[in-house]
Each structure stands twice: as structure tokens, then as C-alpha cells.
């Protein structure tokens, strides 16, 4: 009988300890949630689908345009995920997490190489001439004509000592699609879209022959 009573008391003790730790865990979760709930954290849209694995294979259909995202000011491609450069700041405690979001600046370029190209004075006039060449092709054939990148590429000679005219023409086309003609120094307010095989595509992932045309008004 003594053994039975002892076992019952031991069982009650285990039950009490179990309930105590359960309440302790619940209280910890609630405190954590209350801290998070008080933070005015805003999540800005970022460029997902930036990895090479999501671009698809060589024979896959190109992706449709992805709205609400940021693009590199140099190459015109989708910016990588987490497109923010944190500013140095100090935190008094864990509750200052909101400051980390507020003290960030969206990056303008996806890489040091793109920033270098954008700042290269020898390419400034070349980029302008590429934009003008696209504009001339579009205005001379206004009826949904597509200005193909490879055709524009051959019209504007690349500066001496520079290479990859093919990619430069495509970079120019991406900038025109994502930022407009005025941003590239051409007086034109109409918007353009990227087209491949008759379909509107996301320029960041388009491969092969593609071009741009006026957006249907």
C-alpha cells in the first residue's frame, strides 16, 4: 500500500512538473510574439527568381515579366534577392530590429562590374547611340514592329578597346524596357516591352533572338 501511494505521488509530481514547463514554454512564445508584433517592419518586394537554376534550360519558354521588382540600372536585369545595403547603426536591444529595416538603401547595381560599366565615361555616348538606334527602328515601323537586339548591335560600332557588343545591345534593350527612353537620354514617353517569338517576356531570362516593341496603347 505504501508503494502504491508513493507511485501515485510520483505520478502527480511528474504531472505538475510537465504542466509547469508547458506554461513556461507558452509564456516564452507569447513574449516573443508580442515583441515581434510591436515592430513596424515592412517587407519590400525583392527579386526572387534571380538564381541561375530558375532561368530554365536552353529550350524552355522564357518567363513572363515579373511586376513589382527592381532592376539593375546598368544591365537591366532583375536585382538579386535581399536588394538592400544596410547602413552602419547600433542597437540598444533586440527590440530595435525595426531600425535595421528603416536604415537600408536599395542598391542601384547588381554587381561591381555593372557599377563600373555605368560609370565608364567611354561608354556613355555608346549607350546613348544604342538607345537612339532602337528608337529609330521603332518609329520607322510603328505598326507593332519589333526592333531586334542583334540588328541594332551591328548598327552602332562599339568603342575601341571594348568588347561584347552583343551583350551591350541587350543591356540597352533591358534598360529601355524597365526604365524608359527618357532615362537613357532619348525624348520619348512611350513605353516598350520585350518580345520573343511573339510573346512578351522577362528580359532578364530571355535567350537567343529577342527584341522590343511599343506597348500597345
N, C-alpha and C. Protein backbone atom coordinates (compact mmCIF):
# COMPACT_ATOMS: atom_id res chain seq x y z
N UNK A 1 0.84 -1.21 0.00
CA UNK A 1 0.00 0.00 0.00
C UNK A 1 0.87 1.25 0.00
N UNK A 2 1.96 1.21 0.79
CA UNK A 2 2.88 2.36 0.82
C UNK A 2 3.48 2.59 -0.57
N UNK A 3 3.83 1.48 -1.24
CA UNK A 3 4.40 1.59 -2.59
C UNK A 3 3.40 2.19 -3.56
N UNK A 4 2.13 1.82 -3.44
CA UNK A 4 1.09 2.35 -4.32
C UNK A 4 0.91 3.85 -4.13
N UNK A 5 0.93 4.27 -2.85
CA UNK A 5 0.79 5.69 -2.55
C UNK A 5 1.99 6.46 -3.09
N UNK A 6 3.18 5.88 -2.92
CA UNK A 6 4.41 6.54 -3.40
C UNK A 6 4.38 6.70 -4.92
N UNK A 7 3.92 5.67 -5.63
CA UNK A 7 3.84 5.74 -7.09
C UNK A 7 2.85 6.81 -7.54
N UNK A 8 1.70 6.89 -6.80
CA UNK A 8 0.70 7.89 -7.14
C UNK A 8 1.23 9.30 -6.92
N UNK A 9 1.95 9.48 -5.80
CA UNK A 9 2.53 10.81 -5.54
C UNK A 9 3.59 11.17 -6.58
N UNK A 10 4.37 10.18 -7.00
CA UNK A 10 5.39 10.42 -8.01
C UNK A 10 4.75 10.79 -9.35
N UNK A 11 3.65 10.13 -9.67
CA UNK A 11 2.93 10.44 -10.90
C UNK A 11 2.37 11.85 -10.87
N UNK A 12 1.82 12.24 -9.70
CA UNK A 12 1.28 13.61 -9.57
C UNK A 12 2.39 14.64 -9.71
N UNK A 13 3.56 14.33 -9.15
CA UNK A 13 4.69 15.25 -9.23
C UNK A 13 5.14 15.44 -10.69
N UNK A 14 5.22 14.34 -11.44
CA UNK A 14 5.57 14.43 -12.86
C UNK A 14 4.57 15.26 -13.63
N UNK A 15 3.28 15.08 -13.30
CA UNK A 15 2.23 15.84 -13.98
C UNK A 15 2.35 17.33 -13.71
N UNK A 16 2.66 17.67 -12.43
CA UNK A 16 2.81 19.08 -12.07
C UNK A 16 4.00 19.70 -12.78
N UNK A 17 5.12 18.96 -12.82
CA UNK A 17 6.32 19.47 -13.49
C UNK A 17 6.07 19.65 -14.98
N UNK A 18 5.34 18.70 -15.58
CA UNK A 18 5.03 18.80 -17.01
C UNK A 18 4.19 20.03 -17.31
N UNK A 19 3.18 20.29 -16.48
CA UNK A 19 2.33 21.46 -16.70
C UNK A 19 3.12 22.75 -16.52
N UNK A 20 4.05 22.76 -15.57
CA UNK A 20 4.87 23.95 -15.32
C UNK A 20 5.72 24.30 -16.54
N UNK A 21 6.39 23.28 -17.11
CA UNK A 21 7.23 23.54 -18.28
C UNK A 21 6.41 23.91 -19.50
N UNK A 22 5.20 23.36 -19.62
CA UNK A 22 4.33 23.72 -20.73
C UNK A 22 3.91 25.18 -20.63
N UNK A 23 3.54 25.62 -19.41
CA UNK A 23 3.15 27.02 -19.23
C UNK A 23 4.34 27.95 -19.46
N UNK A 24 5.53 27.48 -19.04
CA UNK A 24 6.74 28.28 -19.25
C UNK A 24 7.02 28.47 -20.73
N UNK A 25 6.85 27.41 -21.52
CA UNK A 25 7.06 27.49 -22.96
C UNK A 25 6.03 28.40 -23.62
N UNK A 26 4.76 28.29 -23.16
CA UNK A 26 3.71 29.15 -23.72
C UNK A 26 4.00 30.62 -23.43
N UNK A 27 4.44 30.90 -22.20
CA UNK A 27 4.73 32.29 -21.83
C UNK A 27 5.88 32.83 -22.68
N UNK A 28 6.89 32.00 -22.95
CA UNK A 28 8.03 32.44 -23.77
C UNK A 28 7.59 32.74 -25.19
N UNK A 29 6.71 31.88 -25.73
CA UNK A 29 6.20 32.12 -27.09
C UNK A 29 5.41 33.41 -27.14
N UNK A 30 4.57 33.65 -26.13
CA UNK A 30 3.75 34.86 -26.12
C UNK A 30 4.62 36.11 -26.01
N UNK A 31 5.67 36.05 -25.19
CA UNK A 31 6.56 37.21 -25.07
C UNK A 31 7.27 37.49 -26.39
N UNK A 32 7.71 36.41 -27.04
CA UNK A 32 8.40 36.57 -28.33
C UNK A 32 7.45 37.16 -29.36
N UNK A 33 6.21 36.66 -29.39
CA UNK A 33 5.23 37.17 -30.35
C UNK A 33 4.91 38.63 -30.11
N UNK A 34 4.79 39.01 -28.81
CA UNK A 34 4.45 40.39 -28.51
C UNK A 34 5.55 41.35 -28.95
N UNK A 35 6.82 40.91 -28.85
CA UNK A 35 7.95 41.74 -29.29
C UNK A 35 7.89 41.93 -30.80
N UNK A 36 7.65 40.79 -31.49
CA UNK A 36 7.59 40.85 -32.96
C UNK A 36 6.41 41.70 -33.42
N UNK A 37 5.27 41.55 -32.75
CA UNK A 37 4.06 42.25 -33.16
C UNK A 37 4.19 43.76 -33.04
N UNK A 38 5.06 44.21 -32.10
CA UNK A 38 5.22 45.65 -31.92
C UNK A 38 6.15 46.28 -32.93
N UNK A 39 6.86 45.46 -33.73
CA UNK A 39 7.83 46.02 -34.66
C UNK A 39 7.16 46.46 -35.96
N UNK A 40 7.29 47.73 -36.36
CA UNK A 40 6.70 48.21 -37.62
C UNK A 40 7.57 47.82 -38.80
N UNK A 41 7.71 46.51 -39.02
CA UNK A 41 8.61 46.02 -40.07
C UNK A 41 7.85 45.95 -41.39
N UNK A 42 8.38 46.56 -42.42
CA UNK A 42 7.79 46.49 -43.74
C UNK A 42 8.69 45.66 -44.63
N UNK A 43 8.08 44.82 -45.44
CA UNK A 43 8.83 43.96 -46.32
C UNK A 43 8.68 44.46 -47.74
N UNK A 44 9.78 44.90 -48.34
CA UNK A 44 9.74 45.42 -49.70
C UNK A 44 9.86 44.27 -50.69
N UNK A 45 9.17 44.38 -51.82
CA UNK A 45 9.32 43.33 -52.81
C UNK A 45 10.75 43.24 -53.32
N UNK A 46 11.25 42.06 -53.44
CA UNK A 46 12.61 41.86 -53.92
C UNK A 46 12.61 40.89 -55.09
N UNK A 47 13.73 40.80 -55.81
CA UNK A 47 13.82 39.99 -56.95
C UNK A 47 14.08 38.59 -56.57
N UNK A 48 13.03 37.77 -56.57
CA UNK A 48 13.25 36.35 -56.46
C UNK A 48 13.52 35.87 -57.88
N UNK A 49 13.66 34.62 -58.09
CA UNK A 49 13.94 34.05 -59.40
C UNK A 49 15.24 34.58 -59.99
N UNK A 50 16.16 35.00 -59.13
CA UNK A 50 17.39 35.55 -59.65
C UNK A 50 18.48 34.50 -59.81
N UNK A 51 18.25 33.32 -59.28
CA UNK A 51 19.27 32.29 -59.39
C UNK A 51 19.29 31.69 -60.77
N UNK A 52 20.45 31.18 -61.15
CA UNK A 52 20.63 30.62 -62.49
C UNK A 52 19.72 29.43 -62.71
N UNK A 53 19.45 28.67 -61.62
CA UNK A 53 18.64 27.47 -61.76
C UNK A 53 17.21 27.77 -62.13
N UNK A 54 16.73 29.01 -61.88
CA UNK A 54 15.35 29.36 -62.17
C UNK A 54 15.19 30.00 -63.53
N UNK A 55 16.26 30.10 -64.28
CA UNK A 55 16.14 30.70 -65.61
C UNK A 55 15.66 29.71 -66.65
N UNK A 56 15.70 28.44 -66.29
CA UNK A 56 15.23 27.44 -67.22
C UNK A 56 16.33 26.97 -68.15
N UNK A 57 16.04 25.88 -68.86
CA UNK A 57 17.00 25.34 -69.79
C UNK A 57 17.02 26.11 -71.10
N UNK A 58 17.90 25.68 -71.98
CA UNK A 58 18.09 26.39 -73.25
C UNK A 58 16.83 26.38 -74.10
N UNK A 59 16.07 25.28 -74.03
CA UNK A 59 14.89 25.14 -74.88
C UNK A 59 13.59 25.50 -74.16
N UNK A 60 13.69 25.92 -72.90
CA UNK A 60 12.49 26.29 -72.15
C UNK A 60 11.94 27.63 -72.63
N UNK A 61 10.62 27.79 -72.51
CA UNK A 61 9.99 29.06 -72.89
C UNK A 61 10.44 30.14 -71.90
N UNK A 62 10.71 31.35 -72.37
CA UNK A 62 11.15 32.43 -71.48
C UNK A 62 10.05 32.82 -70.51
N UNK A 63 10.45 33.36 -69.37
CA UNK A 63 9.49 33.76 -68.35
C UNK A 63 8.75 35.02 -68.77
N UNK A 64 7.52 35.15 -68.26
CA UNK A 64 6.75 36.37 -68.47
C UNK A 64 7.32 37.45 -67.56
N UNK A 65 7.06 38.73 -67.85
CA UNK A 65 7.55 39.82 -66.99
C UNK A 65 7.10 39.64 -65.55
N UNK A 66 7.97 40.04 -64.61
CA UNK A 66 7.68 39.91 -63.19
C UNK A 66 7.45 41.31 -62.63
N UNK A 67 6.21 41.68 -62.32
CA UNK A 67 5.93 43.05 -61.86
C UNK A 67 6.37 43.30 -60.43
N UNK A 68 6.52 44.58 -60.09
CA UNK A 68 6.79 44.97 -58.71
C UNK A 68 8.17 44.64 -58.22
N UNK A 69 9.14 44.63 -59.10
CA UNK A 69 10.50 44.31 -58.70
C UNK A 69 11.47 45.38 -59.17
N UNK A 70 12.69 45.34 -58.66
CA UNK A 70 13.70 46.33 -59.02
C UNK A 70 14.70 45.73 -59.99
N UNK A 71 15.29 46.61 -60.80
CA UNK A 71 16.23 46.19 -61.83
C UNK A 71 17.54 46.96 -61.70
N UNK A 72 18.61 46.31 -62.13
CA UNK A 72 19.93 46.95 -62.14
C UNK A 72 19.93 48.09 -63.14
N UNK A 73 20.44 49.24 -62.74
CA UNK A 73 20.46 50.41 -63.62
C UNK A 73 21.47 50.27 -64.76
N UNK A 74 22.33 49.28 -64.69
CA UNK A 74 23.34 49.09 -65.72
C UNK A 74 22.96 47.99 -66.72
N UNK A 75 22.76 46.78 -66.22
CA UNK A 75 22.45 45.66 -67.13
C UNK A 75 20.96 45.49 -67.35
N UNK A 76 20.13 46.09 -66.49
CA UNK A 76 18.68 46.00 -66.66
C UNK A 76 18.08 44.69 -66.21
N UNK A 77 18.88 43.84 -65.57
CA UNK A 77 18.35 42.56 -65.10
C UNK A 77 17.75 42.71 -63.70
N UNK A 78 16.95 41.69 -63.34
CA UNK A 78 16.36 41.65 -62.01
C UNK A 78 17.45 41.68 -60.95
N UNK A 79 17.22 42.47 -59.92
CA UNK A 79 18.17 42.55 -58.82
C UNK A 79 18.09 41.28 -57.98
N UNK A 80 19.20 40.88 -57.36
CA UNK A 80 19.19 39.68 -56.51
C UNK A 80 18.26 39.85 -55.33
N UNK A 81 17.87 38.73 -54.72
CA UNK A 81 17.04 38.77 -53.51
C UNK A 81 17.81 39.47 -52.41
N UNK A 82 17.09 40.15 -51.52
CA UNK A 82 17.73 40.89 -50.43
C UNK A 82 18.41 42.13 -50.95
N UNK A 83 17.72 42.84 -51.86
CA UNK A 83 18.31 44.01 -52.51
C UNK A 83 18.38 45.20 -51.57
N UNK A 84 19.22 45.11 -50.54
CA UNK A 84 19.41 46.23 -49.63
C UNK A 84 20.83 46.25 -49.09
N UNK A 85 21.39 47.43 -48.98
CA UNK A 85 22.70 47.60 -48.37
C UNK A 85 22.49 48.24 -47.00
N UNK A 86 22.74 47.48 -45.90
CA UNK A 86 22.47 48.06 -44.57
C UNK A 86 23.43 49.18 -44.23
N UNK A 87 22.92 50.23 -43.61
CA UNK A 87 23.75 51.32 -43.11
C UNK A 87 24.28 50.95 -41.74
N UNK A 88 25.52 51.31 -41.42
CA UNK A 88 26.03 51.02 -40.08
C UNK A 88 25.17 51.70 -39.02
N UNK A 89 24.80 50.97 -38.00
CA UNK A 89 23.98 51.53 -36.92
C UNK A 89 24.17 50.70 -35.67
N UNK A 90 23.83 51.22 -34.52
CA UNK A 90 23.98 50.49 -33.27
C UNK A 90 22.60 50.13 -32.74
N UNK A 91 22.54 49.04 -31.97
CA UNK A 91 21.28 48.59 -31.42
C UNK A 91 21.40 48.50 -29.90
N UNK A 92 20.45 49.09 -29.21
CA UNK A 92 20.45 49.05 -27.76
C UNK A 92 19.97 47.70 -27.25
N UNK A 93 18.99 47.14 -27.94
CA UNK A 93 18.47 45.84 -27.54
C UNK A 93 17.79 45.19 -28.74
N UNK A 94 17.25 44.00 -28.50
CA UNK A 94 16.65 43.23 -29.59
C UNK A 94 15.42 43.90 -30.17
N UNK A 95 14.80 44.80 -29.39
CA UNK A 95 13.58 45.46 -29.85
C UNK A 95 13.85 46.50 -30.94
N UNK A 96 15.13 46.80 -31.21
CA UNK A 96 15.48 47.78 -32.24
C UNK A 96 15.57 47.17 -33.61
N UNK A 97 14.99 45.97 -33.78
CA UNK A 97 15.05 45.29 -35.07
C UNK A 97 14.46 46.14 -36.18
N UNK A 98 13.43 46.94 -35.84
CA UNK A 98 12.79 47.78 -36.85
C UNK A 98 13.77 48.76 -37.47
N UNK A 99 14.74 49.23 -36.68
CA UNK A 99 15.72 50.18 -37.20
C UNK A 99 16.53 49.61 -38.34
N UNK A 100 16.74 48.28 -38.30
CA UNK A 100 17.53 47.65 -39.35
C UNK A 100 16.83 47.76 -40.69
N UNK A 101 15.49 47.68 -40.67
CA UNK A 101 14.73 47.81 -41.90
C UNK A 101 14.72 49.25 -42.39
N UNK A 102 14.59 50.19 -41.43
CA UNK A 102 14.49 51.59 -41.82
C UNK A 102 15.83 52.15 -42.30
N UNK A 103 16.94 51.60 -41.83
CA UNK A 103 18.25 52.12 -42.18
C UNK A 103 18.90 51.28 -43.29
N UNK A 104 18.17 51.08 -44.35
CA UNK A 104 18.70 50.35 -45.50
C UNK A 104 18.44 51.16 -46.76
N UNK A 105 19.26 50.94 -47.78
CA UNK A 105 19.13 51.66 -49.04
C UNK A 105 19.13 50.66 -50.18
N UNK A 106 18.12 50.69 -51.06
CA UNK A 106 18.12 49.78 -52.20
C UNK A 106 19.35 49.99 -53.07
N UNK A 107 19.97 48.93 -53.50
CA UNK A 107 21.14 49.04 -54.35
C UNK A 107 20.72 49.42 -55.76
N UNK A 108 21.60 50.13 -56.47
CA UNK A 108 21.34 50.55 -57.84
C UNK A 108 21.88 49.54 -58.85
N UNK A 109 22.95 48.84 -58.46
CA UNK A 109 23.61 47.93 -59.39
C UNK A 109 23.71 46.54 -58.78
N UNK A 110 23.63 45.53 -59.64
CA UNK A 110 23.64 44.15 -59.14
C UNK A 110 25.05 43.65 -58.87
N UNK A 111 26.07 44.34 -59.36
CA UNK A 111 27.44 43.90 -59.14
C UNK A 111 28.40 45.07 -59.31
N UNK A 112 29.64 44.86 -58.86
CA UNK A 112 30.67 45.88 -59.03
C UNK A 112 30.97 46.10 -60.50
N UNK A 113 30.87 45.03 -61.30
CA UNK A 113 31.12 45.14 -62.74
C UNK A 113 30.09 46.06 -63.40
N UNK A 114 28.82 45.89 -63.02
CA UNK A 114 27.77 46.73 -63.60
C UNK A 114 27.94 48.19 -63.18
N UNK A 115 28.33 48.41 -61.94
CA UNK A 115 28.55 49.78 -61.47
C UNK A 115 29.71 50.41 -62.24
N UNK A 116 30.75 49.63 -62.51
CA UNK A 116 31.90 50.14 -63.25
C UNK A 116 31.51 50.52 -64.68
N UNK A 117 30.70 49.69 -65.30
CA UNK A 117 30.24 49.99 -66.66
C UNK A 117 29.40 51.26 -66.69
N UNK A 118 28.55 51.40 -65.71
CA UNK A 118 27.67 52.58 -65.67
C UNK A 118 28.47 53.86 -65.48
N UNK A 119 29.59 53.77 -64.78
CA UNK A 119 30.40 54.95 -64.50
C UNK A 119 31.48 55.19 -65.57
N UNK A 120 31.61 54.29 -66.52
CA UNK A 120 32.67 54.38 -67.54
C UNK A 120 32.32 55.48 -68.54
N UNK A 121 33.07 56.59 -68.57
CA UNK A 121 32.75 57.70 -69.49
C UNK A 121 32.88 57.34 -70.95
N UNK A 122 33.72 56.36 -71.26
CA UNK A 122 33.92 55.97 -72.67
C UNK A 122 32.71 55.22 -73.23
N UNK A 123 31.81 54.77 -72.37
CA UNK A 123 30.63 54.04 -72.83
C UNK A 123 29.37 54.91 -72.84
N UNK A 124 29.46 56.10 -72.28
CA UNK A 124 28.27 56.95 -72.14
C UNK A 124 27.62 57.26 -73.49
N UNK A 125 28.42 57.75 -74.44
CA UNK A 125 27.87 58.09 -75.76
C UNK A 125 27.42 56.84 -76.50
N UNK A 126 28.15 55.75 -76.33
CA UNK A 126 27.80 54.48 -76.98
C UNK A 126 26.43 54.00 -76.52
N UNK A 127 26.17 54.08 -75.23
CA UNK A 127 24.87 53.67 -74.70
C UNK A 127 23.75 54.56 -75.26
N UNK A 128 24.03 55.85 -75.39
CA UNK A 128 23.04 56.76 -75.95
C UNK A 128 22.74 56.41 -77.40
N UNK A 129 23.78 56.10 -78.17
CA UNK A 129 23.59 55.76 -79.57
C UNK A 129 22.81 54.46 -79.74
N UNK A 130 23.02 53.51 -78.84
CA UNK A 130 22.23 52.27 -78.89
C UNK A 130 20.75 52.56 -78.65
N UNK A 131 20.47 53.40 -77.66
CA UNK A 131 19.08 53.75 -77.37
C UNK A 131 18.44 54.47 -78.55
N UNK A 132 19.20 55.37 -79.18
CA UNK A 132 18.68 56.08 -80.35
C UNK A 132 18.43 55.13 -81.52
N UNK A 133 19.30 54.13 -81.67
CA UNK A 133 19.14 53.17 -82.75
C UNK A 133 17.86 52.35 -82.56
N UNK A 134 17.59 51.95 -81.32
CA UNK A 134 16.34 51.24 -81.03
C UNK A 134 15.14 52.14 -81.34
N UNK A 135 15.24 53.40 -80.93
CA UNK A 135 14.14 54.34 -81.13
C UNK A 135 13.88 54.56 -82.62
N UNK A 136 14.94 54.70 -83.41
CA UNK A 136 14.79 54.92 -84.84
C UNK A 136 14.10 53.73 -85.50
N UNK A 137 14.48 52.52 -85.13
CA UNK A 137 13.86 51.33 -85.71
C UNK A 137 12.38 51.24 -85.35
N UNK A 138 12.04 51.62 -84.12
CA UNK A 138 10.64 51.55 -83.69
C UNK A 138 9.78 52.62 -84.35
N UNK A 139 10.29 53.84 -84.43
CA UNK A 139 9.49 54.92 -85.01
C UNK A 139 9.36 54.80 -86.53
N UNK A 140 10.32 54.17 -87.18
CA UNK A 140 10.23 54.00 -88.64
C UNK A 140 9.27 52.88 -89.02
N UNK A 141 8.94 52.01 -88.06
CA UNK A 141 7.97 50.93 -88.29
C UNK A 141 7.02 50.86 -87.10
N UNK A 142 6.10 51.80 -87.00
CA UNK A 142 5.27 51.92 -85.80
C UNK A 142 4.23 50.82 -85.59
N UNK A 143 3.91 50.04 -86.63
CA UNK A 143 2.84 49.05 -86.53
C UNK A 143 3.33 47.76 -85.86
N UNK A 144 3.55 47.85 -84.55
CA UNK A 144 3.94 46.69 -83.75
C UNK A 144 5.23 46.05 -84.24
N UNK A 145 6.08 46.84 -84.90
CA UNK A 145 7.36 46.32 -85.35
C UNK A 145 8.27 46.03 -84.16
N UNK A 146 9.03 44.96 -84.25
CA UNK A 146 9.97 44.59 -83.19
C UNK A 146 11.38 44.96 -83.61
N UNK A 147 12.06 45.73 -82.77
CA UNK A 147 13.46 46.08 -83.01
C UNK A 147 14.32 45.00 -82.38
N UNK A 148 14.93 44.17 -83.21
CA UNK A 148 15.72 43.03 -82.74
C UNK A 148 17.08 43.50 -82.22
N UNK A 149 17.49 42.97 -81.09
CA UNK A 149 18.76 43.38 -80.46
C UNK A 149 19.95 43.14 -81.38
N UNK A 150 19.99 41.99 -82.03
CA UNK A 150 21.14 41.66 -82.88
C UNK A 150 21.26 42.58 -84.08
N UNK A 151 20.14 43.15 -84.53
CA UNK A 151 20.18 44.09 -85.66
C UNK A 151 20.72 45.44 -85.21
N UNK A 152 20.28 45.90 -84.05
CA UNK A 152 20.78 47.17 -83.51
C UNK A 152 22.26 47.05 -83.17
N UNK A 153 22.65 45.89 -82.71
CA UNK A 153 24.04 45.65 -82.34
C UNK A 153 25.01 45.97 -83.47
N UNK A 154 24.61 45.65 -84.70
CA UNK A 154 25.50 45.86 -85.85
C UNK A 154 25.47 47.30 -86.36
N UNK A 155 24.48 48.08 -85.94
CA UNK A 155 24.34 49.45 -86.43
C UNK A 155 25.25 50.44 -85.70
N UNK A 156 25.55 50.14 -84.44
CA UNK A 156 26.33 51.07 -83.63
C UNK A 156 27.68 50.44 -83.30
N UNK A 157 28.78 50.99 -83.81
CA UNK A 157 30.10 50.43 -83.53
C UNK A 157 30.49 50.61 -82.07
N UNK A 158 30.97 49.57 -81.48
CA UNK A 158 31.38 49.64 -80.08
C UNK A 158 32.71 50.37 -79.97
N UNK A 159 32.93 51.15 -78.91
CA UNK A 159 34.18 51.91 -78.77
C UNK A 159 35.42 51.02 -78.84
N UNK A 160 36.47 51.57 -79.35
CA UNK A 160 37.72 50.82 -79.48
C UNK A 160 38.21 50.37 -78.10
N UNK A 161 38.63 49.13 -78.04
CA UNK A 161 39.11 48.58 -76.78
C UNK A 161 38.03 47.92 -75.95
N UNK A 162 36.76 48.11 -76.33
CA UNK A 162 35.65 47.49 -75.62
C UNK A 162 35.20 46.24 -76.37
N UNK A 163 34.58 45.33 -75.65
CA UNK A 163 34.14 44.08 -76.25
C UNK A 163 32.69 43.79 -75.91
N UNK A 164 32.20 42.70 -76.51
CA UNK A 164 30.86 42.19 -76.25
C UNK A 164 29.75 43.16 -76.65
N UNK A 165 29.75 43.52 -77.94
CA UNK A 165 28.69 44.38 -78.47
C UNK A 165 27.33 43.70 -78.37
N UNK A 166 27.31 42.38 -78.47
CA UNK A 166 26.05 41.64 -78.39
C UNK A 166 25.37 41.88 -77.04
N UNK A 167 26.13 41.74 -75.97
CA UNK A 167 25.56 41.93 -74.64
C UNK A 167 25.22 43.39 -74.38
N UNK A 168 26.02 44.31 -74.91
CA UNK A 168 25.74 45.74 -74.71
C UNK A 168 24.40 46.12 -75.34
N UNK A 169 24.09 45.57 -76.51
CA UNK A 169 22.81 45.87 -77.16
C UNK A 169 21.65 45.33 -76.33
N UNK A 170 21.83 44.16 -75.75
CA UNK A 170 20.77 43.58 -74.92
C UNK A 170 20.62 44.33 -73.59
N UNK A 171 21.73 44.78 -73.06
CA UNK A 171 21.65 45.60 -71.85
C UNK A 171 20.88 46.89 -72.13
N UNK A 172 21.13 47.49 -73.28
CA UNK A 172 20.43 48.72 -73.65
C UNK A 172 18.93 48.45 -73.79
N UNK A 173 18.57 47.32 -74.40
CA UNK A 173 17.16 46.98 -74.57
C UNK A 173 16.48 46.76 -73.22
N UNK A 174 17.17 46.09 -72.30
CA UNK A 174 16.59 45.88 -70.97
C UNK A 174 16.36 47.20 -70.24
N UNK A 175 17.32 48.10 -70.36
CA UNK A 175 17.15 49.41 -69.69
C UNK A 175 15.96 50.16 -70.27
N UNK A 176 15.77 50.08 -71.58
CA UNK A 176 14.64 50.77 -72.21
C UNK A 176 13.31 50.18 -71.76
N UNK A 177 13.25 48.87 -71.62
CA UNK A 177 12.02 48.22 -71.18
C UNK A 177 11.70 48.58 -69.73
N UNK A 178 12.71 48.57 -68.89
CA UNK A 178 12.49 48.74 -67.45
C UNK A 178 12.50 50.18 -66.96
N UNK A 179 13.18 51.08 -67.70
CA UNK A 179 13.31 52.46 -67.23
C UNK A 179 12.81 53.51 -68.23
N UNK A 180 12.55 53.11 -69.46
CA UNK A 180 12.04 54.05 -70.44
C UNK A 180 13.12 54.78 -71.22
N UNK A 181 12.73 55.40 -72.33
CA UNK A 181 13.67 56.10 -73.20
C UNK A 181 14.26 57.35 -72.54
N UNK A 182 13.43 58.10 -71.81
CA UNK A 182 13.92 59.35 -71.22
C UNK A 182 15.08 59.10 -70.25
N UNK A 183 15.02 57.99 -69.56
CA UNK A 183 16.10 57.67 -68.62
C UNK A 183 17.42 57.44 -69.33
N UNK A 184 17.35 57.15 -70.64
CA UNK A 184 18.55 56.88 -71.43
C UNK A 184 18.93 58.05 -72.34
N UNK A 185 18.26 59.20 -72.13
CA UNK A 185 18.62 60.40 -72.87
C UNK A 185 17.88 60.62 -74.17
N UNK A 186 16.80 59.86 -74.41
CA UNK A 186 16.01 60.00 -75.64
C UNK A 186 14.64 60.57 -75.29
N UNK A 187 14.24 61.62 -76.01
CA UNK A 187 12.96 62.29 -75.74
C UNK A 187 11.82 61.43 -76.26
N UNK A 188 11.33 60.54 -75.43
CA UNK A 188 10.24 59.65 -75.81
C UNK A 188 9.56 59.14 -74.54
N UNK A 189 8.21 59.32 -74.50
CA UNK A 189 7.47 58.91 -73.32
C UNK A 189 6.78 57.56 -73.48
N UNK A 190 6.69 57.06 -74.71
CA UNK A 190 6.03 55.76 -74.91
C UNK A 190 6.87 54.64 -74.30
N UNK A 191 6.18 53.65 -73.79
CA UNK A 191 6.85 52.52 -73.17
C UNK A 191 7.05 51.39 -74.17
N UNK A 192 8.04 50.56 -73.91
CA UNK A 192 8.30 49.40 -74.76
C UNK A 192 8.28 48.13 -73.92
N UNK A 193 8.11 47.00 -74.60
CA UNK A 193 8.10 45.70 -73.94
C UNK A 193 9.00 44.74 -74.71
N UNK A 194 9.52 43.75 -74.02
CA UNK A 194 10.40 42.77 -74.66
C UNK A 194 9.56 41.65 -75.27
N UNK A 195 9.94 41.23 -76.48
CA UNK A 195 9.17 40.21 -77.21
C UNK A 195 10.11 39.15 -77.77
N UNK A 196 9.69 37.90 -77.64
CA UNK A 196 10.41 36.79 -78.24
C UNK A 196 9.40 35.78 -78.76
N UNK A 197 9.54 35.44 -80.03
CA UNK A 197 8.60 34.50 -80.67
C UNK A 197 7.15 34.95 -80.50
N UNK A 198 6.94 36.26 -80.57
CA UNK A 198 5.59 36.80 -80.49
C UNK A 198 5.02 36.91 -79.09
N UNK A 199 5.79 36.56 -78.06
CA UNK A 199 5.31 36.61 -76.69
C UNK A 199 6.09 37.65 -75.88
N UNK A 200 5.38 38.35 -75.00
CA UNK A 200 6.03 39.31 -74.12
C UNK A 200 6.77 38.53 -73.03
N UNK A 201 8.06 38.85 -72.84
CA UNK A 201 8.89 38.06 -71.93
C UNK A 201 9.61 38.95 -70.92
N UNK A 202 10.14 38.31 -69.89
CA UNK A 202 11.01 38.97 -68.91
C UNK A 202 12.42 39.03 -69.49
N UNK A 203 12.93 40.22 -69.69
CA UNK A 203 14.22 40.39 -70.37
C UNK A 203 15.37 39.74 -69.62
N UNK A 204 15.26 39.59 -68.32
CA UNK A 204 16.36 39.03 -67.54
C UNK A 204 16.67 37.59 -67.91
N UNK A 205 15.67 36.88 -68.44
CA UNK A 205 15.85 35.46 -68.71
C UNK A 205 15.73 35.11 -70.20
N UNK A 206 15.50 36.11 -71.04
CA UNK A 206 15.34 35.86 -72.47
C UNK A 206 16.67 35.43 -73.08
N UNK A 207 16.64 34.39 -73.88
CA UNK A 207 17.84 33.90 -74.55
C UNK A 207 17.60 33.87 -76.05
N UNK A 208 18.67 33.85 -76.81
CA UNK A 208 18.52 33.81 -78.26
C UNK A 208 18.09 35.15 -78.81
N UNK A 209 17.33 35.12 -79.91
CA UNK A 209 16.88 36.34 -80.58
C UNK A 209 15.64 36.90 -79.89
N UNK A 210 15.72 38.14 -79.49
CA UNK A 210 14.56 38.84 -78.95
C UNK A 210 14.73 40.33 -79.22
N UNK A 211 13.66 41.07 -79.03
CA UNK A 211 13.72 42.50 -79.28
C UNK A 211 12.68 43.24 -78.48
N UNK A 212 12.46 44.51 -78.84
CA UNK A 212 11.49 45.32 -78.11
C UNK A 212 10.51 45.96 -79.10
N UNK A 213 9.33 46.29 -78.61
CA UNK A 213 8.30 46.95 -79.41
C UNK A 213 7.51 47.88 -78.52
N UNK A 214 6.74 48.77 -79.14
CA UNK A 214 5.90 49.68 -78.36
C UNK A 214 4.84 48.88 -77.60
N UNK A 215 4.56 49.30 -76.39
CA UNK A 215 3.46 48.72 -75.63
C UNK A 215 2.16 49.18 -76.27
N UNK A 216 1.26 48.26 -76.46
CA UNK A 216 0.00 48.62 -77.11
C UNK A 216 -0.79 49.57 -76.24
N UNK A 217 -1.16 50.71 -76.79
CA UNK A 217 -1.87 51.72 -76.04
C UNK A 217 -3.38 51.56 -76.07
